[in-house]
Amino acid sequence: MGDDAGEVEVGSMSAWNSNTRDDVSGTSTVIAKEDLGNGDPQCITVSDVIIVKGEETRADKRMCRQPPAVRYAIAV
């Protein structure tokens, strides 16, 4: 999700598999983006679908970054 400059678009999706558990995988999709400008952090909302032993769980999380940082971090 995102390019080398850290830019992401609503609808961007990434599928993943756990590096430590064979029975865990999922997808993460950007469902909202907020860029207020004026030096404020850029934030996205990510919807995760996590599959553990065939059981599906969904969770949304808000992630932000302060330019010029490239990476987003979970907002608390």
Protein backbone atom coordinates (compact mmCIF):
# COMPACT_ATOMS: atom_id res chain seq x y z
CA MET A 1 0.00 0.00 0.00
CA GLY A 2 1.57 3.22 -1.08
CA ASP A 3 4.60 4.17 -3.11
CA ASP A 4 8.13 5.06 -2.02
CA ALA A 5 6.96 8.57 -1.11
CA GLY A 6 4.38 7.10 1.27
CA GLU A 7 1.41 8.16 -0.87
CA VAL A 8 -1.68 5.97 -0.66
CA GLU A 9 -5.07 6.20 -2.33
CA VAL A 10 -8.49 5.17 -1.07
CA GLY A 11 -9.11 1.65 -2.35
CA SER A 12 -5.43 0.59 -2.18
CA MET A 13 -5.26 -2.98 -0.90
CA SER A 14 -2.48 -5.24 0.30
CA ALA A 15 -2.77 -8.98 0.97
CA TRP A 16 -0.45 -10.53 3.53
CA ASN A 17 0.48 -13.78 5.26
CA SER A 18 1.89 -14.07 8.76
CA ASN A 19 5.64 -14.68 8.93
CA THR A 20 5.24 -16.58 12.21
CA ARG A 21 1.91 -18.46 11.90
CA ASP A 22 0.92 -20.60 8.91
CA ASP A 23 -2.80 -20.25 9.67
CA VAL A 24 -2.96 -16.42 9.70
CA SER A 25 -3.44 -14.17 6.66
CA GLY A 26 -5.50 -11.20 5.60
CA THR A 27 -5.92 -8.01 3.65
CA SER A 28 -5.60 -4.34 4.51
CA THR A 29 -7.56 -1.76 2.49
CA VAL A 30 -7.44 2.04 2.71
CA ILE A 31 -11.07 3.18 3.15
CA ALA A 32 -10.54 6.88 3.94
CA LYS A 33 -7.84 9.53 3.60
CA GLU A 34 -7.53 12.88 5.36
CA ASP A 35 -4.95 15.50 4.41
CA LEU A 36 -5.69 18.81 6.08
CA GLY A 37 -2.48 20.45 4.91
CA ASN A 38 -1.06 23.35 6.93
CA GLY A 39 1.61 21.04 8.39
CA ASP A 40 -0.99 18.79 10.05
CA PRO A 41 -0.48 15.02 9.95
CA GLN A 42 -1.84 13.07 6.97
CA CYS A 43 -4.16 10.30 8.18
CA ILE A 44 -5.78 7.24 6.63
CA THR A 45 -8.31 4.71 7.87
CA VAL A 46 -7.41 1.11 7.08
CA SER A 47 -9.87 -1.78 7.19
CA ASP A 48 -8.16 -5.06 8.06
CA VAL A 49 -9.64 -8.47 7.35
CA ILE A 50 -7.75 -11.04 9.43
CA ILE A 51 -8.23 -14.77 8.88
CA VAL A 52 -7.10 -17.11 11.64
CA LYS A 53 -7.74 -20.84 11.12
CA GLY A 54 -10.53 -19.98 8.67
CA GLU A 55 -12.26 -17.54 11.05
CA GLU A 56 -12.59 -14.01 9.66
CA THR A 57 -12.32 -10.90 11.84
CA ARG A 58 -12.57 -7.29 10.71
CA ALA A 59 -11.00 -4.26 12.34
CA ASP A 60 -10.53 -0.64 11.31
CA LYS A 61 -7.56 1.45 12.40
CA ARG A 62 -6.53 5.07 11.94
CA MET A 63 -2.94 5.69 10.90
CA CYS A 64 -1.16 9.05 10.55
CA ARG A 65 2.16 10.44 9.39
CA GLN A 66 3.76 13.83 9.75
CA PRO A 67 5.39 14.93 6.47
CA PRO A 68 8.15 14.58 5.42
CA ALA A 69 7.97 11.14 7.14
CA VAL A 70 7.21 8.31 4.70
CA ARG A 71 5.68 5.76 7.07
CA TYR A 72 2.27 5.83 8.72
CA ALA A 73 1.90 4.85 12.38
CA ILE A 74 -1.19 3.78 14.31
CA ALA A 75 -2.82 6.86 15.85
CA VAL A 76 -3.83 6.65 19.50
